[in-house]
Every structure is written in structure tokens, then in C-alpha cells.
């Protein structure tokens, strides 16, 4: 099983950006923890980060022709307005799980809405790095159940 982990805009700044909301873990720390979890679950994973919306859309498009069984995505601010990313993800029939380090529902009002939510199987937020780990576990379980996603 192969899981694609997508990190969106500004997430390369984890560890330096607003530690009150995001903690001190870096993106590299997050990816290392997910790689360890992937080995534990006997799956492979690929992580991809970009600050360019078109590059994210193109990475999702490439997943159509690859052996990707599920997607874990933290789109950052794109979560709240990128219909381009939502439309690209909607084409994938594999499970998609949205994750956020901070509790987006306890923050600014614009962060309460996700344009990705309707095309994701679920969302995990507010648990720091554990949001990624919980989302990764959920994506693996959904992929193993082999239930087609919309």
C-alpha cells in the first residue's frame, strides 16, 4: 500500500511559524514520524510540499497514474479557498484525509470552512503532529477496506 502525504502552502515553515498554534516540530520532523509509522504499518509513503498551487494540482494529477492507495493532505491556507485543489482531489477515487496541526475551529472564522471537506473521508485537527499520525492511520485503514471514495 502506498500513501501520498501532501503539505501545502507555508508548511515548510513549521517549527519557525507561530509555535503557539503549530508547535516547534519541523516539516522534516513530521515526515520522519510518518516514515516511521509507515514502516510500522508496513506501507510506503511519499511526502510532497509546495508553496505553488499549480504544483500541488499537478502532483495530485500525477497520482491518477500512480499506485497511490490514499492521500493525507494538509493544504494549509488553500484549505479555505482552493477549488482548484479540491477539484483535482475529487478526481481521485482513493480515500483522502484532511489534517491540520492546529484546531482550526478555535481560530479565526475564515479557518472554520474547508473547501476540501466535501471530497475528503474525514478531517483530523488540533493534535499537532498527532493529527498527521491519526490521519495517516485513518487513510491506511480506509485504503485497506478498499471502499471507493467520491
C-alpha atoms as a PDB file:
ATOM      1  CA  UNK A   1       0.000   0.000   0.000  1.00  0.00           C
ATOM      2  CA  UNK A   2       1.269   3.494  -0.894  1.00  0.00           C
ATOM      3  CA  UNK A   3       0.126   6.683   0.881  1.00  0.00           C
ATOM      4  CA  UNK A   4       0.719  10.151  -0.578  1.00  0.00           C
ATOM      5  CA  UNK A   5       1.149  12.913   2.014  1.00  0.00           C
ATOM      6  CA  UNK A   6       0.613  16.422   0.669  1.00  0.00           C
ATOM      7  CA  UNK A   7       1.786  19.515   2.542  1.00  0.00           C
ATOM      8  CA  UNK A   8       0.547  22.870   1.280  1.00  0.00           C
ATOM      9  CA  UNK A   9       1.476  26.495   1.363  1.00  0.00           C
ATOM     10  CA  UNK A  10       3.746  27.786   4.163  1.00  0.00           C
ATOM     11  CA  UNK A  11       4.013  24.385   5.817  1.00  0.00           C
ATOM     12  CA  UNK A  12       7.727  24.330   5.042  1.00  0.00           C
ATOM     13  CA  UNK A  13       7.888  26.905   7.869  1.00  0.00           C
ATOM     14  CA  UNK A  14       6.661  24.502  10.573  1.00  0.00           C
ATOM     15  CA  UNK A  15       8.950  24.872  13.568  1.00  0.00           C
ATOM     16  CA  UNK A  16       9.501  28.573  12.886  1.00  0.00           C
ATOM     17  CA  UNK A  17       5.962  29.791  12.210  1.00  0.00           C
ATOM     18  CA  UNK A  18       3.660  30.620  15.130  1.00  0.00           C
ATOM     19  CA  UNK A  19       4.672  27.871  17.580  1.00  0.00           C
ATOM     20  CA  UNK A  20       1.603  28.671  19.711  1.00  0.00           C
ATOM     21  CA  UNK A  21      -0.606  27.138  17.008  1.00  0.00           C
ATOM     22  CA  UNK A  22       1.776  24.803  15.212  1.00  0.00           C
ATOM     23  CA  UNK A  23       4.323  23.722  17.825  1.00  0.00           C
ATOM     24  CA  UNK A  24       8.047  23.508  17.265  1.00  0.00           C
ATOM     25  CA  UNK A  25       8.205  20.393  15.079  1.00  0.00           C
ATOM     26  CA  UNK A  26       9.578  20.994  11.595  1.00  0.00           C
ATOM     27  CA  UNK A  27       8.172  19.560   8.390  1.00  0.00           C
ATOM     28  CA  UNK A  28      11.174  17.232   8.340  1.00  0.00           C
ATOM     29  CA  UNK A  29      10.225  16.039  11.863  1.00  0.00           C
ATOM     30  CA  UNK A  30       6.677  15.359  10.697  1.00  0.00           C
ATOM     31  CA  UNK A  31       7.831  13.435   7.632  1.00  0.00           C
ATOM     32  CA  UNK A  32      10.270  11.370   9.725  1.00  0.00           C
ATOM     33  CA  UNK A  33       7.492  10.441  12.164  1.00  0.00           C
ATOM     34  CA  UNK A  34       5.230   9.453   9.257  1.00  0.00           C
ATOM     35  CA  UNK A  35       8.004   7.378   7.666  1.00  0.00           C
ATOM     36  CA  UNK A  36       8.440   5.536  10.972  1.00  0.00           C
ATOM     37  CA  UNK A  37       4.684   4.973  11.182  1.00  0.00           C
ATOM     38  CA  UNK A  38       4.592   3.785   7.572  1.00  0.00           C
ATOM     39  CA  UNK A  39       7.263   1.165   8.321  1.00  0.00           C
ATOM     40  CA  UNK A  40       5.322   0.115  11.430  1.00  0.00           C
ATOM     41  CA  UNK A  41       2.148  -0.299   9.343  1.00  0.00           C
ATOM     42  CA  UNK A  42       4.057  -1.991   6.505  1.00  0.00           C
ATOM     43  CA  UNK A  43       3.120   0.643   3.923  1.00  0.00           C
ATOM     44  CA  UNK A  44       5.135   3.069   1.834  1.00  0.00           C
ATOM     45  CA  UNK A  45       4.681   6.801   1.800  1.00  0.00           C
ATOM     46  CA  UNK A  46       5.752   9.781  -0.227  1.00  0.00           C
ATOM     47  CA  UNK A  47       5.671  13.323   1.099  1.00  0.00           C
ATOM     48  CA  UNK A  48       5.361  16.377  -1.133  1.00  0.00           C
ATOM     49  CA  UNK A  49       5.338  20.056  -0.131  1.00  0.00           C
ATOM     50  CA  UNK A  50       4.904  23.116  -2.290  1.00  0.00           C
ATOM     51  CA  UNK A  51       4.032  26.776  -1.958  1.00  0.00           C
ATOM     52  CA  UNK A  52       2.678  26.844  -5.517  1.00  0.00           C
ATOM     53  CA  UNK A  53      -0.967  25.931  -6.027  1.00  0.00           C
ATOM     54  CA  UNK A  54      -0.428  24.741  -9.602  1.00  0.00           C
ATOM     55  CA  UNK A  55       2.369  22.427  -8.478  1.00  0.00           C
ATOM     56  CA  UNK A  56       0.022  20.900  -5.892  1.00  0.00           C
ATOM     57  CA  UNK A  57      -2.665  20.372  -8.536  1.00  0.00           C
ATOM     58  CA  UNK A  58      -0.119  18.778 -10.874  1.00  0.00           C
ATOM     59  CA  UNK A  59       1.110  16.456  -8.080  1.00  0.00           C
ATOM     60  CA  UNK A  60      -2.469  15.322  -7.469  1.00  0.00           C
ATOM     61  CA  UNK A  61      -2.938  14.766 -11.217  1.00  0.00           C
ATOM     62  CA  UNK A  62       0.202  12.565 -11.296  1.00  0.00           C
ATOM     63  CA  UNK A  63      -1.319  10.431  -8.527  1.00  0.00           C
ATOM     64  CA  UNK A  64      -4.004   9.352 -11.000  1.00  0.00           C
ATOM     65  CA  UNK A  65      -1.391   7.339 -12.907  1.00  0.00           C
ATOM     66  CA  UNK A  66       0.498   6.052  -9.892  1.00  0.00           C
ATOM     67  CA  UNK A  67      -0.157   3.275  -7.426  1.00  0.00           C
ATOM     68  CA  UNK A  68      -1.443   5.641  -4.716  1.00  0.00           C
ATOM     69  CA  UNK A  69      -3.901   3.990  -2.322  1.00  0.00           C
ATOM     70  CA  UNK A  70      -4.773   7.010  -0.163  1.00  0.00           C
ATOM     71  CA  UNK A  71      -3.937  10.686   0.318  1.00  0.00           C
ATOM     72  CA  UNK A  72      -3.315  12.617   3.521  1.00  0.00           C
ATOM     73  CA  UNK A  73      -3.440  16.364   2.927  1.00  0.00           C
ATOM     74  CA  UNK A  74      -2.754  19.468   4.947  1.00  0.00           C
ATOM     75  CA  UNK A  75      -3.328  22.144   2.340  1.00  0.00           C
ATOM     76  CA  UNK A  76      -2.619  24.998   4.744  1.00  0.00           C
ATOM     77  CA  UNK A  77      -4.478  28.183   3.784  1.00  0.00           C
ATOM     78  CA  UNK A  78      -5.559  26.586   0.479  1.00  0.00           C
ATOM     79  CA  UNK A  79      -7.955  24.505   2.593  1.00  0.00           C
ATOM     80  CA  UNK A  80     -10.228  27.509   2.830  1.00  0.00           C
ATOM     81  CA  UNK A  81     -10.408  28.664  -0.778  1.00  0.00           C
ATOM     82  CA  UNK A  82      -8.659  26.438  -3.333  1.00  0.00           C
ATOM     83  CA  UNK A  83     -11.371  24.970  -5.501  1.00  0.00           C
ATOM     84  CA  UNK A  84      -8.592  24.024  -7.936  1.00  0.00           C
ATOM     85  CA  UNK A  85      -7.061  21.654  -5.379  1.00  0.00           C
ATOM     86  CA  UNK A  86     -10.493  20.404  -4.326  1.00  0.00           C
ATOM     87  CA  UNK A  87     -11.413  19.673  -7.954  1.00  0.00           C
ATOM     88  CA  UNK A  88      -8.111  17.862  -8.547  1.00  0.00           C
ATOM     89  CA  UNK A  89      -8.545  15.740  -5.411  1.00  0.00           C
ATOM     90  CA  UNK A  90     -12.155  14.956  -6.341  1.00  0.00           C
ATOM     91  CA  UNK A  91     -10.950  13.063  -9.417  1.00  0.00           C
ATOM     92  CA  UNK A  92      -9.063  10.599  -7.215  1.00  0.00           C
ATOM     93  CA  UNK A  93     -11.188   7.649  -6.132  1.00  0.00           C
ATOM     94  CA  UNK A  94      -8.855   6.712  -3.264  1.00  0.00           C
ATOM     95  CA  UNK A  95      -9.523   7.769   0.335  1.00  0.00           C
ATOM     96  CA  UNK A  96      -8.470  11.317   1.177  1.00  0.00           C
ATOM     97  CA  UNK A  97      -7.986  12.539   4.753  1.00  0.00           C
ATOM     98  CA  UNK A  98      -7.576  16.214   5.659  1.00  0.00           C
ATOM     99  CA  UNK A  99      -5.288  17.083   8.585  1.00  0.00           C
ATOM    100  CA  UNK A 100      -4.348  20.271  10.440  1.00  0.00           C
ATOM    101  CA  UNK A 101      -1.863  20.744  13.261  1.00  0.00           C
ATOM    102  CA  UNK A 102      -3.954  23.424  14.974  1.00  0.00           C
ATOM    103  CA  UNK A 103      -7.608  23.326  15.948  1.00  0.00           C
ATOM    104  CA  UNK A 104      -8.934  25.353  13.015  1.00  0.00           C
ATOM    105  CA  UNK A 105     -12.363  25.594  14.665  1.00  0.00           C
ATOM    106  CA  UNK A 106     -10.902  27.516  17.615  1.00  0.00           C
ATOM    107  CA  UNK A 107      -9.204  30.065  15.387  1.00  0.00           C
ATOM    108  CA  UNK A 108     -10.202  32.867  13.013  1.00  0.00           C
ATOM    109  CA  UNK A 109     -13.617  32.499  11.365  1.00  0.00           C
ATOM    110  CA  UNK A 110     -12.189  32.072   7.846  1.00  0.00           C
ATOM    111  CA  UNK A 111     -10.413  28.903   9.021  1.00  0.00           C
ATOM    112  CA  UNK A 112     -13.703  27.246  10.024  1.00  0.00           C
ATOM    113  CA  UNK A 113     -14.644  26.458   6.415  1.00  0.00           C
ATOM    114  CA  UNK A 114     -12.877  23.845   4.294  1.00  0.00           C
ATOM    115  CA  UNK A 115     -13.496  23.536   0.564  1.00  0.00           C
ATOM    116  CA  UNK A 116     -11.769  20.145   0.765  1.00  0.00           C
ATOM    117  CA  UNK A 117     -14.074  18.665   3.411  1.00  0.00           C
ATOM    118  CA  UNK A 118     -16.742  17.515   0.961  1.00  0.00           C
ATOM    119  CA  UNK A 119     -14.299  15.394  -1.012  1.00  0.00           C
ATOM    120  CA  UNK A 120     -12.386  14.002   1.985  1.00  0.00           C
ATOM    121  CA  UNK A 121     -13.429  10.988   4.005  1.00  0.00           C
ATOM    122  CA  UNK A 122     -12.730  12.934   7.186  1.00  0.00           C
ATOM    123  CA  UNK A 123     -10.641  15.531   8.943  1.00  0.00           C
ATOM    124  CA  UNK A 124      -8.311  15.490  11.950  1.00  0.00           C
ATOM    125  CA  UNK A 125      -7.262  18.755  13.574  1.00  0.00           C
ATOM    126  CA  UNK A 126      -5.856  20.216  16.749  1.00  0.00           C
ATOM    127  CA  UNK A 127      -3.449  17.487  17.821  1.00  0.00           C
ATOM    128  CA  UNK A 128      -0.158  18.782  16.434  1.00  0.00           C
ATOM    129  CA  UNK A 129       1.939  16.056  14.829  1.00  0.00           C
ATOM    130  CA  UNK A 130      -0.577  13.513  16.108  1.00  0.00           C
ATOM    131  CA  UNK A 131      -3.094  14.983  13.634  1.00  0.00           C
ATOM    132  CA  UNK A 132      -0.857  13.725  10.840  1.00  0.00           C
ATOM    133  CA  UNK A 133      -0.355  10.342  12.513  1.00  0.00           C
ATOM    134  CA  UNK A 134      -4.068   9.858  13.190  1.00  0.00           C
ATOM    135  CA  UNK A 135      -4.933  10.956   9.655  1.00  0.00           C
ATOM    136  CA  UNK A 136      -2.295   8.608   8.241  1.00  0.00           C
ATOM    137  CA  UNK A 137      -3.711   5.682  10.232  1.00  0.00           C
ATOM    138  CA  UNK A 138      -7.225   6.540   9.049  1.00  0.00           C
ATOM    139  CA  UNK A 139      -6.091   6.737   5.414  1.00  0.00           C
ATOM    140  CA  UNK A 140      -4.403   3.339   5.708  1.00  0.00           C
ATOM    141  CA  UNK A 141      -7.479   1.753   7.303  1.00  0.00           C
ATOM    142  CA  UNK A 142      -9.787   3.195   4.636  1.00  0.00           C
ATOM    143  CA  UNK A 143      -7.473   2.042   1.840  1.00  0.00           C
ATOM    144  CA  UNK A 144      -7.231  -1.446   3.356  1.00  0.00           C
ATOM    145  CA  UNK A 145     -11.034  -1.621   3.472  1.00  0.00           C
ATOM    146  CA  UNK A 146     -10.929  -0.903  -0.271  1.00  0.00           C
ATOM    147  CA  UNK A 147     -14.039   1.264  -0.213  1.00  0.00           C
ATOM    148  CA  UNK A 148     -14.148   3.604  -3.243  1.00  0.00           C
ATOM    149  CA  UNK A 149     -14.304   7.276  -2.321  1.00  0.00           C
ATOM    150  CA  UNK A 150     -16.072  10.077  -4.090  1.00  0.00           C
END
